[in-house]
Amino acid sequence: MNTSAFIFACSGPGAMAAIQQSITIGYFCAAFGGVATLALAYAFVRTRRVRFTLPVAGLLMLVHPAWTVSATRGDCGFFKREVSYILTAVFIGLLIYQYVLSRRAA
C-alpha cells in the first residue's frame, strides 16, 4: 500500500500554485467580508438599532480563515478556500437579512 499520498498531501507539480491560489482566494473573501461588515456598521450608525448581524459579522472577521488557517500545510489550502467560500455566503446572508429588515421597517 502506498501511503506517500497521505504523508505528502501537498507536494509535487502545481502544489505552490494551489497554495498561492488558496491564499489569494482567502484574502479576497476576507476583503468581501470586510466590506460587508462596514456596510452593516453603516446601517447600525444610520438606524441606531443593534441587530445580531453586526456582532456576527465582526466575529466572523476575527476568525476568518484568511488569517487563522494555514495554506502551506496539509491540503494546499483547500480547507482555507472552502471555509472562505462558506463565510462569504454567510456574509451575503447577513446583508440580505439586514436589507429585508430595513425594507419592512420603511
Protein backbone atom coordinates (compact mmCIF):
# COMPACT_ATOMS: atom_id res chain seq x y z
CA MET A 1 0.00 0.00 0.00
CA ASN A 2 1.39 3.39 -0.97
CA THR A 3 0.88 5.87 1.86
CA SER A 4 3.02 8.66 0.42
CA ALA A 5 -0.11 10.40 -0.86
CA PHE A 6 -1.26 10.74 2.74
CA ILE A 7 2.11 11.78 4.15
CA PHE A 8 2.91 14.31 1.42
CA ALA A 9 -0.58 15.64 0.76
CA CYS A 10 0.60 18.88 -0.79
CA SER A 11 3.65 18.24 -2.89
CA GLY A 12 4.61 17.80 -6.47
CA PRO A 13 3.97 19.85 -9.56
CA GLY A 14 1.38 22.55 -9.08
CA ALA A 15 1.49 22.49 -5.29
CA MET A 16 2.84 26.02 -4.92
CA ALA A 17 0.31 27.36 -7.43
CA ALA A 18 -2.52 25.70 -5.48
CA ILE A 19 -1.23 27.15 -2.20
CA GLN A 20 -0.94 30.63 -3.69
CA GLN A 21 -4.40 30.38 -5.19
CA SER A 22 -5.86 29.33 -1.83
CA ILE A 23 -4.17 32.26 -0.09
CA THR A 24 -5.45 34.71 -2.71
CA ILE A 25 -8.99 33.38 -2.55
CA GLY A 26 -8.92 33.59 1.25
CA TYR A 27 -7.85 37.23 1.17
CA PHE A 28 -10.41 38.18 -1.47
CA CYS A 29 -13.17 36.53 0.56
CA ALA A 30 -11.92 38.35 3.67
CA ALA A 31 -11.99 41.64 1.76
CA PHE A 32 -15.61 40.99 0.81
CA GLY A 33 -16.35 40.20 4.45
CA GLY A 34 -14.72 43.46 5.49
CA VAL A 35 -16.86 45.43 3.05
CA ALA A 36 -19.98 43.61 4.26
CA THR A 37 -19.07 44.34 7.89
CA LEU A 38 -18.59 48.01 7.06
CA ALA A 39 -21.97 48.08 5.31
CA LEU A 40 -23.61 46.54 8.38
CA ALA A 41 -21.81 49.07 10.60
CA TYR A 42 -23.12 51.88 8.39
CA ALA A 43 -26.67 50.52 8.75
CA PHE A 44 -26.19 50.50 12.53
CA VAL A 45 -24.96 54.10 12.57
CA ARG A 46 -27.81 55.19 10.33
CA THR A 47 -30.61 53.46 12.25
CA ARG A 48 -29.12 53.20 15.76
CA ARG A 49 -30.62 49.74 16.06
CA VAL A 50 -28.43 46.91 17.22
CA ARG A 51 -29.20 43.71 15.39
CA PHE A 52 -27.31 40.47 15.61
CA THR A 53 -25.88 40.96 12.12
CA LEU A 54 -23.09 43.38 13.03
CA PRO A 55 -21.68 41.39 16.01
CA VAL A 56 -21.84 38.16 13.98
CA ALA A 57 -20.04 39.80 11.05
CA GLY A 58 -17.39 41.19 13.39
CA LEU A 59 -16.85 37.80 14.99
CA LEU A 60 -16.57 36.13 11.60
CA MET A 61 -13.96 38.67 10.56
CA LEU A 62 -11.94 37.89 13.69
CA VAL A 63 -11.86 34.16 12.98
CA HIS A 64 -11.76 34.35 9.17
CA PRO A 65 -9.61 31.59 7.67
CA ALA A 66 -7.64 34.14 5.65
CA TRP A 67 -5.56 34.74 8.78
CA THR A 68 -6.38 31.78 11.01
CA VAL A 69 -5.87 28.78 8.67
CA SER A 70 -2.56 27.87 7.10
CA ALA A 71 -2.39 27.03 3.41
CA THR A 72 1.18 25.75 3.46
CA ARG A 73 0.49 22.62 5.49
CA GLY A 74 -1.74 19.69 4.68
CA ASP A 75 -4.15 20.08 1.81
CA CYS A 76 -2.64 23.02 -0.13
CA GLY A 77 -5.12 25.37 1.50
CA PHE A 78 -8.28 23.75 0.16
CA PHE A 79 -9.80 23.88 3.65
CA LYS A 80 -8.97 27.60 3.82
CA ARG A 81 -10.58 28.09 0.42
CA GLU A 82 -13.77 26.16 1.20
CA VAL A 83 -14.36 27.81 4.59
CA SER A 84 -13.75 31.21 3.00
CA TYR A 85 -16.47 30.44 0.45
CA ILE A 86 -18.85 29.41 3.23
CA LEU A 87 -18.17 32.56 5.24
CA THR A 88 -18.71 34.69 2.13
CA ALA A 89 -22.11 33.05 1.75
CA VAL A 90 -22.85 33.83 5.42
CA PHE A 91 -21.88 37.48 4.86
CA ILE A 92 -24.22 37.62 1.86
CA GLY A 93 -26.97 36.13 4.01
CA LEU A 94 -26.39 38.73 6.72
CA LEU A 95 -26.58 41.53 4.15
CA ILE A 96 -29.79 40.15 2.67
CA TYR A 97 -31.32 39.79 6.14
CA GLN A 98 -30.37 43.38 7.02
CA TYR A 99 -31.83 44.62 3.73
CA VAL A 100 -35.10 42.77 4.22
CA LEU A 101 -35.47 44.11 7.75
CA SER A 102 -34.80 47.66 6.63
CA ARG A 103 -37.40 47.32 3.85
CA ARG A 104 -40.02 46.06 6.31
CA ALA A 105 -39.35 48.98 8.66
CA ALA A 106 -39.78 51.53 5.87
